[in-house]
PDB file of N, CA and C in Angstrom:
ATOM      1  N   MET A   1     -26.909 -10.496  52.568  1.00  0.00           N
ATOM      2  CA  MET A   1     -25.418 -10.872  52.592  1.00  0.00           C
ATOM      3  C   MET A   1     -24.664  -9.524  52.748  1.00  0.00           C
ATOM      4  N   LYS A   2     -25.135  -8.514  52.035  1.00  0.00           N
ATOM      5  CA  LYS A   2     -24.364  -7.227  52.146  1.00  0.00           C
ATOM      6  C   LYS A   2     -24.513  -6.685  53.660  1.00  0.00           C
ATOM      7  N   GLY A   3     -25.620  -6.899  54.218  1.00  0.00           N
ATOM      8  CA  GLY A   3     -25.859  -6.460  55.603  1.00  0.00           C
ATOM      9  C   GLY A   3     -24.968  -7.155  56.644  1.00  0.00           C
ATOM     10  N   ARG A   4     -24.461  -8.286  56.189  1.00  0.00           N
ATOM     11  CA  ARG A   4     -23.534  -9.122  57.145  1.00  0.00           C
ATOM     12  C   ARG A   4     -22.124  -8.866  56.792  1.00  0.00           C
ATOM     13  N   GLY A   5     -21.858  -7.835  55.911  1.00  0.00           N
ATOM     14  CA  GLY A   5     -20.526  -7.486  55.624  1.00  0.00           C
ATOM     15  C   GLY A   5     -19.874  -8.024  54.425  1.00  0.00           C
ATOM     16  N   HIS A   6     -20.588  -8.844  53.669  1.00  0.00           N
ATOM     17  CA  HIS A   6     -20.116  -9.461  52.475  1.00  0.00           C
ATOM     18  C   HIS A   6     -20.198  -8.504  51.243  1.00  0.00           C
ATOM     19  N   ASP A   7     -19.248  -8.655  50.336  1.00  0.00           N
ATOM     20  CA  ASP A   7     -19.287  -7.943  49.091  1.00  0.00           C
ATOM     21  C   ASP A   7     -20.308  -8.706  48.235  1.00  0.00           C
ATOM     22  N   VAL A   8     -21.154  -8.065  47.585  1.00  0.00           N
ATOM     23  CA  VAL A   8     -22.314  -8.627  46.883  1.00  0.00           C
ATOM     24  C   VAL A   8     -22.399  -7.974  45.423  1.00  0.00           C
ATOM     25  N   THR A   9     -22.551  -8.700  44.411  1.00  0.00           N
ATOM     26  CA  THR A   9     -22.909  -8.149  43.084  1.00  0.00           C
ATOM     27  C   THR A   9     -23.974  -9.040  42.722  1.00  0.00           C
ATOM     28  N   VAL A  10     -25.060  -8.362  42.067  1.00  0.00           N
ATOM     29  CA  VAL A  10     -26.283  -9.048  41.582  1.00  0.00           C
ATOM     30  C   VAL A  10     -26.230  -9.058  40.060  1.00  0.00           C
ATOM     31  N   GLY A  11     -26.456 -10.219  39.461  1.00  0.00           N
ATOM     32  CA  GLY A  11     -26.559 -10.365  38.011  1.00  0.00           C
ATOM     33  C   GLY A  11     -27.925 -10.689  37.621  1.00  0.00           C
ATOM     34  N   PHE A  12     -28.300 -10.229  36.480  1.00  0.00           N
ATOM     35  CA  PHE A  12     -29.719 -10.473  35.983  1.00  0.00           C
ATOM     36  C   PHE A  12     -29.807 -10.307  34.484  1.00  0.00           C
ATOM     37  N   GLY A  13     -30.920 -10.555  33.852  1.00  0.00           N
ATOM     38  CA  GLY A  13     -31.228 -10.448  32.507  1.00  0.00           C
ATOM     39  C   GLY A  13     -31.933  -9.207  32.282  1.00  0.00           C
ATOM     40  N   ASP A  14     -33.169  -9.314  31.646  1.00  0.00           N
ATOM     41  CA  ASP A  14     -33.967  -8.145  31.440  1.00  0.00           C
ATOM     42  C   ASP A  14     -34.693  -7.587  32.598  1.00  0.00           C
ATOM     43  N   GLY A  15     -35.186  -6.385  32.435  1.00  0.00           N
ATOM     44  CA  GLY A  15     -36.027  -5.818  33.442  1.00  0.00           C
ATOM     45  C   GLY A  15     -35.476  -4.498  34.033  1.00  0.00           C
ATOM     46  N   ASP A  16     -36.457  -3.744  34.539  1.00  0.00           N
ATOM     47  CA  ASP A  16     -36.094  -2.404  35.093  1.00  0.00           C
ATOM     48  C   ASP A  16     -36.174  -2.263  36.537  1.00  0.00           C
ATOM     49  N   TRP A  17     -37.048  -3.114  37.221  1.00  0.00           N
ATOM     50  CA  TRP A  17     -37.368  -3.086  38.593  1.00  0.00           C
ATOM     51  C   TRP A  17     -36.135  -3.337  39.367  1.00  0.00           C
ATOM     52  N   LEU A  18     -35.444  -4.367  39.177  1.00  0.00           N
ATOM     53  CA  LEU A  18     -34.250  -4.779  39.964  1.00  0.00           C
ATOM     54  C   LEU A  18     -33.143  -3.820  39.967  1.00  0.00           C
ATOM     55  N   PRO A  19     -32.766  -3.233  38.824  1.00  0.00           N
ATOM     56  CA  PRO A  19     -31.722  -2.230  38.897  1.00  0.00           C
ATOM     57  C   PRO A  19     -32.062  -1.075  39.707  1.00  0.00           C
ATOM     58  N   ARG A  20     -33.261  -0.542  39.632  1.00  0.00           N
ATOM     59  CA  ARG A  20     -33.702   0.511  40.501  1.00  0.00           C
ATOM     60  C   ARG A  20     -33.584   0.172  41.991  1.00  0.00           C
ATOM     61  N   SER A  21     -34.034  -0.921  42.321  1.00  0.00           N
ATOM     62  CA  SER A  21     -34.014  -1.406  43.729  1.00  0.00           C
ATOM     63  C   SER A  21     -32.562  -1.577  44.253  1.00  0.00           C
ATOM     64  N   LEU A  22     -31.727  -2.086  43.371  1.00  0.00           N
ATOM     65  CA  LEU A  22     -30.301  -2.326  43.715  1.00  0.00           C
ATOM     66  C   LEU A  22     -29.604  -0.995  43.890  1.00  0.00           C
ATOM     67  N   THR A  23     -29.848  -0.094  42.969  1.00  0.00           N
ATOM     68  CA  THR A  23     -29.197   1.219  42.997  1.00  0.00           C
ATOM     69  C   THR A  23     -29.610   1.929  44.353  1.00  0.00           C
ATOM     70  N   ALA A  24     -30.901   1.882  44.722  1.00  0.00           N
ATOM     71  CA  ALA A  24     -31.378   2.538  45.849  1.00  0.00           C
ATOM     72  C   ALA A  24     -30.655   1.951  47.164  1.00  0.00           C
ATOM     73  N   LYS A  25     -30.235   0.724  47.066  1.00  0.00           N
ATOM     74  CA  LYS A  25     -29.532   0.102  48.201  1.00  0.00           C
ATOM     75  C   LYS A  25     -28.045   0.064  48.125  1.00  0.00           C
ATOM     76  N   ASN A  26     -27.578   0.707  47.011  1.00  0.00           N
ATOM     77  CA  ASN A  26     -26.142   0.806  46.779  1.00  0.00           C
ATOM     78  C   ASN A  26     -25.457  -0.581  46.580  1.00  0.00           C
ATOM     79  N   ILE A  27     -26.143  -1.490  45.815  1.00  0.00           N
ATOM     80  CA  ILE A  27     -25.686  -2.854  45.553  1.00  0.00           C
ATOM     81  C   ILE A  27     -25.182  -2.876  44.146  1.00  0.00           C
ATOM     82  N   PRO A  28     -24.036  -3.159  43.816  1.00  0.00           N
ATOM     83  CA  PRO A  28     -23.543  -3.275  42.392  1.00  0.00           C
ATOM     84  C   PRO A  28     -24.248  -4.332  41.745  1.00  0.00           C
ATOM     85  N   TYR A  29     -24.417  -4.156  40.375  1.00  0.00           N
ATOM     86  CA  TYR A  29     -25.107  -5.226  39.608  1.00  0.00           C
ATOM     87  C   TYR A  29     -24.457  -5.333  38.163  1.00  0.00           C
ATOM     88  N   VAL A  30     -24.826  -6.330  37.567  1.00  0.00           N
ATOM     89  CA  VAL A  30     -24.407  -6.540  36.071  1.00  0.00           C
ATOM     90  C   VAL A  30     -25.597  -7.126  35.418  1.00  0.00           C
ATOM     91  N   ARG A  31     -25.769  -6.615  34.215  1.00  0.00           N
ATOM     92  CA  ARG A  31     -26.866  -7.209  33.346  1.00  0.00           C
ATOM     93  C   ARG A  31     -26.242  -8.154  32.335  1.00  0.00           C
ATOM     94  N   PHE A  32     -26.725  -9.371  32.369  1.00  0.00           N
ATOM     95  CA  PHE A  32     -26.285 -10.377  31.406  1.00  0.00           C
ATOM     96  C   PHE A  32     -27.152 -10.360  30.202  1.00  0.00           C
ATOM     97  N   ARG A  33     -26.535 -10.087  29.099  1.00  0.00           N
ATOM     98  CA  ARG A  33     -27.228  -9.934  27.826  1.00  0.00           C
ATOM     99  C   ARG A  33     -27.846 -11.225  27.357  1.00  0.00           C
ATOM    100  N   ASN A  34     -27.309 -12.401  27.653  1.00  0.00           N
ATOM    101  CA  ASN A  34     -27.748 -13.626  27.187  1.00  0.00           C
ATOM    102  C   ASN A  34     -28.555 -14.447  28.202  1.00  0.00           C
ATOM    103  N   LEU A  35     -28.866 -13.868  29.340  1.00  0.00           N
ATOM    104  CA  LEU A  35     -29.729 -14.412  30.322  1.00  0.00           C
ATOM    105  C   LEU A  35     -31.221 -14.058  29.947  1.00  0.00           C
ATOM    106  N   LYS A  36     -31.885 -15.047  29.408  1.00  0.00           N
ATOM    107  CA  LYS A  36     -33.218 -14.742  28.890  1.00  0.00           C
ATOM    108  C   LYS A  36     -34.207 -15.909  29.124  1.00  0.00           C
ATOM    109  N   ARG A  37     -35.509 -15.576  29.074  1.00  0.00           N
ATOM    110  CA  ARG A  37     -36.487 -16.630  29.178  1.00  0.00           C
ATOM    111  C   ARG A  37     -36.785 -17.027  27.716  1.00  0.00           C
ATOM    112  N   THR A  38     -36.180 -18.103  27.379  1.00  0.00           N
ATOM    113  CA  THR A  38     -36.306 -18.580  25.947  1.00  0.00           C
ATOM    114  C   THR A  38     -35.954 -20.072  25.950  1.00  0.00           C
ATOM    115  N   HIS A  39     -36.505 -20.753  24.943  1.00  0.00           N
ATOM    116  CA  HIS A  39     -36.165 -22.188  24.741  1.00  0.00           C
ATOM    117  C   HIS A  39     -35.007 -22.326  23.778  1.00  0.00           C
ATOM    118  N   ASN A  40     -34.490 -21.193  23.308  1.00  0.00           N
ATOM    119  CA  ASN A  40     -33.410 -21.202  22.249  1.00  0.00           C
ATOM    120  C   ASN A  40     -32.055 -21.729  22.983  1.00  0.00           C
ATOM    121  N   PRO A  41     -31.548 -22.942  22.557  1.00  0.00           N
ATOM    122  CA  PRO A  41     -30.407 -23.407  23.233  1.00  0.00           C
ATOM    123  C   PRO A  41     -29.165 -22.518  22.916  1.00  0.00           C
ATOM    124  N   LEU A  42     -29.104 -21.726  21.892  1.00  0.00           N
ATOM    125  CA  LEU A  42     -28.111 -20.922  21.676  1.00  0.00           C
ATOM    126  C   LEU A  42     -27.862 -19.742  22.717  1.00  0.00           C
ATOM    127  N   SER A  43     -29.095 -19.220  23.208  1.00  0.00           N
ATOM    128  CA  SER A  43     -29.007 -18.281  24.319  1.00  0.00           C
ATOM    129  C   SER A  43     -28.325 -18.869  25.537  1.00  0.00           C
ATOM    130  N   GLY A  44     -28.643 -20.100  25.803  1.00  0.00           N
ATOM    131  CA  GLY A  44     -27.974 -20.831  26.924  1.00  0.00           C
ATOM    132  C   GLY A  44     -26.513 -20.992  26.741  1.00  0.00           C
ATOM    133  N   LEU A  45     -26.174 -21.319  25.546  1.00  0.00           N
ATOM    134  CA  LEU A  45     -24.695 -21.537  25.207  1.00  0.00           C
ATOM    135  C   LEU A  45     -23.994 -20.193  25.347  1.00  0.00           C
ATOM    136  N   PHE A  46     -24.627 -19.173  24.882  1.00  0.00           N
ATOM    137  CA  PHE A  46     -23.993 -17.846  24.954  1.00  0.00           C
ATOM    138  C   PHE A  46     -23.912 -17.334  26.385  1.00  0.00           C
ATOM    139  N   PHE A  47     -24.909 -17.685  27.193  1.00  0.00           N
ATOM    140  CA  PHE A  47     -24.838 -17.330  28.596  1.00  0.00           C
ATOM    141  C   PHE A  47     -23.756 -18.088  29.453  1.00  0.00           C
ATOM    142  N   ILE A  48     -23.549 -19.355  29.047  1.00  0.00           N
ATOM    143  CA  ILE A  48     -22.422 -20.164  29.574  1.00  0.00           C
ATOM    144  C   ILE A  48     -21.115 -19.428  29.381  1.00  0.00           C
ATOM    145  N   LEU A  49     -20.929 -18.934  28.153  1.00  0.00           N
ATOM    146  CA  LEU A  49     -19.683 -18.290  27.795  1.00  0.00           C
ATOM    147  C   LEU A  49     -19.565 -16.926  28.552  1.00  0.00           C
ATOM    148  N   GLU A  50     -20.745 -16.224  28.576  1.00  0.00           N
ATOM    149  CA  GLU A  50     -20.744 -14.937  29.201  1.00  0.00           C
ATOM    150  C   GLU A  50     -20.431 -14.960  30.651  1.00  0.00           C
ATOM    151  N   ILE A  51     -21.006 -15.922  31.344  1.00  0.00           N
ATOM    152  CA  ILE A  51     -20.728 -16.128  32.840  1.00  0.00           C
ATOM    153  C   ILE A  51     -19.303 -16.479  33.002  1.00  0.00           C
ATOM    154  N   ARG A  52     -18.743 -17.407  32.233  1.00  0.00           N
ATOM    155  CA  ARG A  52     -17.430 -17.788  32.368  1.00  0.00           C
ATOM    156  C   ARG A  52     -16.470 -16.644  32.182  1.00  0.00           C
ATOM    157  N   ASN A  53     -16.685 -15.861  31.204  1.00  0.00           N
ATOM    158  CA  ASN A  53     -15.824 -14.669  30.875  1.00  0.00           C
ATOM    159  C   ASN A  53     -15.918 -13.584  32.005  1.00  0.00           C
ATOM    160  N   PHE A  54     -17.166 -13.523  32.605  1.00  0.00           N
ATOM    161  CA  PHE A  54     -17.402 -12.507  33.666  1.00  0.00           C
ATOM    162  C   PHE A  54     -16.544 -12.975  34.855  1.00  0.00           C
ATOM    163  N   LEU A  55     -16.638 -14.249  35.227  1.00  0.00           N
ATOM    164  CA  LEU A  55     -15.967 -14.673  36.328  1.00  0.00           C
ATOM    165  C   LEU A  55     -14.410 -14.668  36.226  1.00  0.00           C
ATOM    166  N   LYS A  56     -13.945 -14.727  34.981  1.00  0.00           N
ATOM    167  CA  LYS A  56     -12.520 -14.595  34.696  1.00  0.00           C
ATOM    168  C   LYS A  56     -12.056 -13.170  35.050  1.00  0.00           C
ATOM    169  N   LYS A  57     -12.849 -12.166  34.758  1.00  0.00           N
ATOM    170  CA  LYS A  57     -12.587 -10.806  34.965  1.00  0.00           C
ATOM    171  C   LYS A  57     -12.757 -10.309  36.399  1.00  0.00           C
ATOM    172  N   ASN A  58     -13.484 -11.124  37.257  1.00  0.00           N
ATOM    173  CA  ASN A  58     -13.876 -10.710  38.610  1.00  0.00           C
ATOM    174  C   ASN A  58     -13.407 -11.819  39.573  1.00  0.00           C
ATOM    175  N   ASN A  59     -13.318 -11.400  40.811  1.00  0.00           N
ATOM    176  CA  ASN A  59     -12.837 -12.358  41.892  1.00  0.00           C
ATOM    177  C   ASN A  59     -14.006 -12.637  42.752  1.00  0.00           C
ATOM    178  N   PHE A  60     -14.691 -13.744  42.604  1.00  0.00           N
ATOM    179  CA  PHE A  60     -15.724 -14.234  43.405  1.00  0.00           C
ATOM    180  C   PHE A  60     -15.351 -15.642  44.009  1.00  0.00           C
ATOM    181  N   ASN A  61     -15.873 -15.849  45.252  1.00  0.00           N
ATOM    182  CA  ASN A  61     -15.633 -17.276  45.825  1.00  0.00           C
ATOM    183  C   ASN A  61     -16.861 -18.013  45.791  1.00  0.00           C
ATOM    184  N   THR A  62     -18.058 -17.363  45.643  1.00  0.00           N
ATOM    185  CA  THR A  62     -19.381 -18.003  45.562  1.00  0.00           C
ATOM    186  C   THR A  62     -20.200 -17.354  44.534  1.00  0.00           C
ATOM    187  N   ILE A  63     -20.980 -18.232  43.876  1.00  0.00           N
ATOM    188  CA  ILE A  63     -22.028 -17.671  42.960  1.00  0.00           C
ATOM    189  C   ILE A  63     -23.319 -18.401  43.156  1.00  0.00           C
ATOM    190  N   HIS A  64     -24.436 -17.693  43.151  1.00  0.00           N
ATOM    191  CA  HIS A  64     -25.796 -18.230  43.373  1.00  0.00           C
ATOM    192  C   HIS A  64     -26.626 -17.979  42.165  1.00  0.00           C
ATOM    193  N   PHE A  65     -27.225 -18.999  41.623  1.00  0.00           N
ATOM    194  CA  PHE A  65     -28.146 -18.884  40.570  1.00  0.00           C
ATOM    195  C   PHE A  65     -29.579 -19.106  41.076  1.00  0.00           C
ATOM    196  N   ASN A  66     -30.527 -18.381  40.787  1.00  0.00           N
ATOM    197  CA  ASN A  66     -31.832 -18.393  41.402  1.00  0.00           C
ATOM    198  C   ASN A  66     -32.937 -18.496  40.422  1.00  0.00           C
ATOM    199  N   SER A  67     -32.757 -19.189  39.283  1.00  0.00           N
ATOM    200  CA  SER A  67     -33.770 -19.288  38.295  1.00  0.00           C
ATOM    201  C   SER A  67     -33.390 -20.509  37.338  1.00  0.00           C
ATOM    202  N   SER A  68     -34.387 -21.181  36.883  1.00  0.00           N
ATOM    203  CA  SER A  68     -34.154 -22.257  35.890  1.00  0.00           C
ATOM    204  C   SER A  68     -33.545 -21.722  34.659  1.00  0.00           C
ATOM    205  N   ASN A  69     -33.792 -20.456  34.329  1.00  0.00           N
ATOM    206  CA  ASN A  69     -33.298 -19.867  33.071  1.00  0.00           C
ATOM    207  C   ASN A  69     -31.775 -19.716  33.255  1.00  0.00           C
ATOM    208  N   ALA A  70     -31.313 -19.659  34.520  1.00  0.00           N
ATOM    209  CA  ALA A  70     -29.813 -19.404  34.808  1.00  0.00           C
ATOM    210  C   ALA A  70     -29.112 -20.674  34.900  1.00  0.00           C
ATOM    211  N   LEU A  71     -29.729 -21.804  34.824  1.00  0.00           N
ATOM    212  CA  LEU A  71     -28.971 -23.052  34.840  1.00  0.00           C
ATOM    213  C   LEU A  71     -27.782 -23.192  33.924  1.00  0.00           C
ATOM    214  N   PRO A  72     -27.905 -22.745  32.730  1.00  0.00           N
ATOM    215  CA  PRO A  72     -26.636 -22.721  31.928  1.00  0.00           C
ATOM    216  C   PRO A  72     -25.483 -22.061  32.571  1.00  0.00           C
ATOM    217  N   GLY A  73     -25.781 -20.951  33.271  1.00  0.00           N
ATOM    218  CA  GLY A  73     -24.699 -20.152  33.947  1.00  0.00           C
ATOM    219  C   GLY A  73     -24.027 -21.032  34.970  1.00  0.00           C
ATOM    220  N   ALA A  74     -24.701 -21.947  35.672  1.00  0.00           N
ATOM    221  CA  ALA A  74     -24.057 -22.779  36.625  1.00  0.00           C
ATOM    222  C   ALA A  74     -23.053 -23.658  35.911  1.00  0.00           C
ATOM    223  N   LEU A  75     -23.289 -24.044  34.695  1.00  0.00           N
ATOM    224  CA  LEU A  75     -22.333 -24.854  33.931  1.00  0.00           C
ATOM    225  C   LEU A  75     -21.160 -23.970  33.546  1.00  0.00           C
ATOM    226  N   GLY A  76     -21.459 -22.703  33.263  1.00  0.00           N
ATOM    227  CA  GLY A  76     -20.411 -21.820  32.852  1.00  0.00           C
ATOM    228  C   GLY A  76     -19.508 -21.473  34.074  1.00  0.00           C
ATOM    229  N   ALA A  77     -20.077 -21.436  35.305  1.00  0.00           N
ATOM    230  CA  ALA A  77     -19.316 -21.252  36.554  1.00  0.00           C
ATOM    231  C   ALA A  77     -18.321 -22.463  36.698  1.00  0.00           C
ATOM    232  N   LYS A  78     -18.865 -23.621  36.471  1.00  0.00           N
ATOM    233  CA  LYS A  78     -18.008 -24.843  36.612  1.00  0.00           C
ATOM    234  C   LYS A  78     -16.895 -24.900  35.530  1.00  0.00           C
ATOM    235  N   LEU A  79     -17.159 -24.313  34.369  1.00  0.00           N
ATOM    236  CA  LEU A  79     -16.229 -24.320  33.274  1.00  0.00           C
ATOM    237  C   LEU A  79     -15.231 -23.163  33.423  1.00  0.00           C
ATOM    238  N   TYR A  80     -15.349 -22.367  34.460  1.00  0.00           N
ATOM    239  CA  TYR A  80     -14.492 -21.118  34.680  1.00  0.00           C
ATOM    240  C   TYR A  80     -13.104 -21.451  34.811  1.00  0.00           C
ATOM    241  N   GLY A  81     -12.770 -22.639  35.424  1.00  0.00           N
ATOM    242  CA  GLY A  81     -11.392 -23.151  35.624  1.00  0.00           C
ATOM    243  C   GLY A  81     -10.855 -22.996  36.945  1.00  0.00           C
ATOM    244  N   LYS A  82     -11.477 -22.118  37.838  1.00  0.00           N
ATOM    245  CA  LYS A  82     -11.009 -22.124  39.246  1.00  0.00           C
ATOM    246  C   LYS A  82     -12.179 -22.590  40.095  1.00  0.00           C
ATOM    247  N   LYS A  83     -11.752 -23.013  41.244  1.00  0.00           N
ATOM    248  CA  LYS A  83     -12.844 -23.498  42.167  1.00  0.00           C
ATOM    249  C   LYS A  83     -13.685 -22.362  42.699  1.00  0.00           C
ATOM    250  N   ILE A  84     -14.979 -22.439  42.452  1.00  0.00           N
ATOM    251  CA  ILE A  84     -15.863 -21.369  42.989  1.00  0.00           C
ATOM    252  C   ILE A  84     -17.146 -22.162  43.487  1.00  0.00           C
ATOM    253  N   LYS A  85     -17.555 -21.820  44.700  1.00  0.00           N
ATOM    254  CA  LYS A  85     -18.778 -22.507  45.219  1.00  0.00           C
ATOM    255  C   LYS A  85     -19.919 -22.000  44.429  1.00  0.00           C
ATOM    256  N   THR A  86     -20.668 -23.022  43.860  1.00  0.00           N
ATOM    257  CA  THR A  86     -21.817 -22.700  42.955  1.00  0.00           C
ATOM    258  C   THR A  86     -23.081 -23.255  43.652  1.00  0.00           C
ATOM    259  N   VAL A  87     -24.104 -22.305  43.914  1.00  0.00           N
ATOM    260  CA  VAL A  87     -25.343 -22.706  44.505  1.00  0.00           C
ATOM    261  C   VAL A  87     -26.359 -22.403  43.496  1.00  0.00           C
ATOM    262  N   PHE A  88     -27.337 -23.361  43.323  1.00  0.00           N
ATOM    263  CA  PHE A  88     -28.349 -23.226  42.336  1.00  0.00           C
ATOM    264  C   PHE A  88     -29.675 -23.553  42.979  1.00  0.00           C
ATOM    265  N   THR A  89     -30.607 -22.594  43.006  1.00  0.00           N
ATOM    266  CA  THR A  89     -31.972 -22.709  43.455  1.00  0.00           C
ATOM    267  C   THR A  89     -32.804 -22.987  42.307  1.00  0.00           C
ATOM    268  N   PHE A  90     -33.424 -24.073  42.262  1.00  0.00           N
ATOM    269  CA  PHE A  90     -34.215 -24.556  41.040  1.00  0.00           C
ATOM    270  C   PHE A  90     -35.604 -23.970  41.180  1.00  0.00           C
ATOM    271  N   ARG A  91     -36.077 -23.118  40.277  1.00  0.00           N
ATOM    272  CA  ARG A  91     -37.394 -22.531  40.252  1.00  0.00           C
ATOM    273  C   ARG A  91     -37.930 -22.399  38.850  1.00  0.00           C
ATOM    274  N   GLY A  92     -39.338 -22.419  38.837  1.00  0.00           N
ATOM    275  CA  GLY A  92     -40.035 -22.001  37.600  1.00  0.00           C
ATOM    276  C   GLY A  92     -39.875 -22.898  36.481  1.00  0.00           C
ATOM    277  N   MET A  93     -39.803 -24.191  36.688  1.00  0.00           N
ATOM    278  CA  MET A  93     -39.824 -25.161  35.550  1.00  0.00           C
ATOM    279  C   MET A  93     -41.229 -25.685  35.173  1.00  0.00           C
ATOM    280  N   SER A  94     -42.108 -24.723  34.819  1.00  0.00           N
ATOM    281  CA  SER A  94     -43.411 -25.203  34.497  1.00  0.00           C
ATOM    282  C   SER A  94     -43.448 -26.116  33.171  1.00  0.00           C
ATOM    283  N   ILE A  95     -42.362 -26.016  32.419  1.00  0.00           N
ATOM    284  CA  ILE A  95     -42.219 -26.778  31.260  1.00  0.00           C
ATOM    285  C   ILE A  95     -42.251 -28.250  31.521  1.00  0.00           C
ATOM    286  N   LEU A  96     -41.913 -28.650  32.729  1.00  0.00           N
ATOM    287  CA  LEU A  96     -41.825 -30.060  33.092  1.00  0.00           C
ATOM    288  C   LEU A  96     -43.242 -30.534  33.569  1.00  0.00           C
ATOM    289  N   ASP A  97     -44.153 -29.584  33.729  1.00  0.00           N
ATOM    290  CA  ASP A  97     -45.570 -29.988  34.199  1.00  0.00           C
ATOM    291  C   ASP A  97     -46.242 -30.711  33.030  1.00  0.00           C
ATOM    292  N   GLU A  98     -46.930 -31.750  33.373  1.00  0.00           N
ATOM    293  CA  GLU A  98     -47.534 -32.588  32.206  1.00  0.00           C
ATOM    294  C   GLU A  98     -48.661 -31.759  31.489  1.00  0.00           C
ATOM    295  N   HIS A  99     -49.200 -30.780  32.020  1.00  0.00           N
ATOM    296  CA  HIS A  99     -50.173 -29.974  31.399  1.00  0.00           C
ATOM    297  C   HIS A  99     -49.635 -28.726  30.665  1.00  0.00           C
ATOM    298  N   TYR A 100     -48.426 -28.477  30.714  1.00  0.00           N
ATOM    299  CA  TYR A 100     -47.768 -27.400  29.969  1.00  0.00           C
ATOM    300  C   TYR A 100     -47.802 -27.760  28.486  1.00  0.00           C
ATOM    301  N   GLN A 101     -48.275 -26.859  27.650  1.00  0.00           N
ATOM    302  CA  GLN A 101     -48.328 -27.146  26.194  1.00  0.00           C
ATOM    303  C   GLN A 101     -47.040 -26.784  25.512  1.00  0.00           C
ATOM    304  N   ILE A 102     -46.289 -27.822  25.055  1.00  0.00           N
ATOM    305  CA  ILE A 102     -44.978 -27.691  24.433  1.00  0.00           C
ATOM    306  C   ILE A 102     -44.777 -28.923  23.545  1.00  0.00           C
ATOM    307  N   ASN A 103     -43.842 -28.729  22.555  1.00  0.00           N
ATOM    308  CA  ASN A 103     -43.579 -29.849  21.583  1.00  0.00           C
ATOM    309  C   ASN A 103     -43.092 -31.027  22.459  1.00  0.00           C
ATOM    310  N   PRO A 104     -43.648 -32.285  22.296  1.00  0.00           N
ATOM    311  CA  PRO A 104     -43.210 -33.388  23.102  1.00  0.00           C
ATOM    312  C   PRO A 104     -41.684 -33.716  23.016  1.00  0.00           C
ATOM    313  N   VAL A 105     -41.110 -33.434  21.944  1.00  0.00           N
ATOM    314  CA  VAL A 105     -39.695 -33.720  21.755  1.00  0.00           C
ATOM    315  C   VAL A 105     -38.901 -32.769  22.716  1.00  0.00           C
ATOM    316  N   LEU A 106     -39.352 -31.441  22.667  1.00  0.00           N
ATOM    317  CA  LEU A 106     -38.629 -30.489  23.556  1.00  0.00           C
ATOM    318  C   LEU A 106     -38.892 -30.797  24.996  1.00  0.00           C
ATOM    319  N   ARG A 107     -40.076 -31.310  25.259  1.00  0.00           N
ATOM    320  CA  ARG A 107     -40.324 -31.713  26.768  1.00  0.00           C
ATOM    321  C   ARG A 107     -39.477 -32.788  27.173  1.00  0.00           C
ATOM    322  N   LEU A 108     -39.286 -33.840  26.242  1.00  0.00           N
ATOM    323  CA  LEU A 108     -38.351 -34.923  26.509  1.00  0.00           C
ATOM    324  C   LEU A 108     -36.976 -34.490  26.762  1.00  0.00           C
ATOM    325  N   ILE A 109     -36.434 -33.516  25.965  1.00  0.00           N
ATOM    326  CA  ILE A 109     -35.058 -33.023  26.097  1.00  0.00           C
ATOM    327  C   ILE A 109     -34.932 -32.287  27.492  1.00  0.00           C
ATOM    328  N   TYR A 110     -35.888 -31.452  27.869  1.00  0.00           N
ATOM    329  CA  TYR A 110     -35.883 -30.845  29.132  1.00  0.00           C
ATOM    330  C   TYR A 110     -35.899 -31.825  30.223  1.00  0.00           C
ATOM    331  N   CYS A 111     -36.781 -32.765  30.232  1.00  0.00           N
ATOM    332  CA  CYS A 111     -36.869 -33.726  31.319  1.00  0.00           C
ATOM    333  C   CYS A 111     -35.585 -34.524  31.466  1.00  0.00           C
ATOM    334  N   TRP A 112     -34.979 -34.850  30.335  1.00  0.00           N
ATOM    335  CA  TRP A 112     -33.671 -35.642  30.424  1.00  0.00           C
ATOM    336  C   TRP A 112     -32.572 -34.715  31.009  1.00  0.00           C
ATOM    337  N   PHE A 113     -32.559 -33.414  30.590  1.00  0.00           N
ATOM    338  CA  PHE A 113     -31.480 -32.508  31.011  1.00  0.00           C
ATOM    339  C   PHE A 113     -31.648 -32.097  32.445  1.00  0.00           C
ATOM    340  N   PHE A 114     -32.891 -31.883  32.891  1.00  0.00           N
ATOM    341  CA  PHE A 114     -33.091 -31.423  34.280  1.00  0.00           C
ATOM    342  C   PHE A 114     -33.264 -32.637  35.242  1.00  0.00           C
TER     343      PHE A 114
END
């Protein structure tokens, strides 16, 4: 997108590889403290608020989420209050696989939610 002349900012959670790669390509980024790989619903709630507040402070017309861990952020983008095109690419939901070992109640909640 940047190569096509669009302003781009990349947001992510933990990790060191992505910021190094983005810096090398002169692409701005933001690290979201509450974007985590966890089953803790509070992290998701905090990420919803974090994304909503981030969007209030910045001017974006499109936001793309590329991970099932970021799904709460899509809700935060919708709660932002202004129209923003929200794209979500659904990836990595091994928790929904019947062979994934997890509490059956938690699996039911995830299946219902997703």
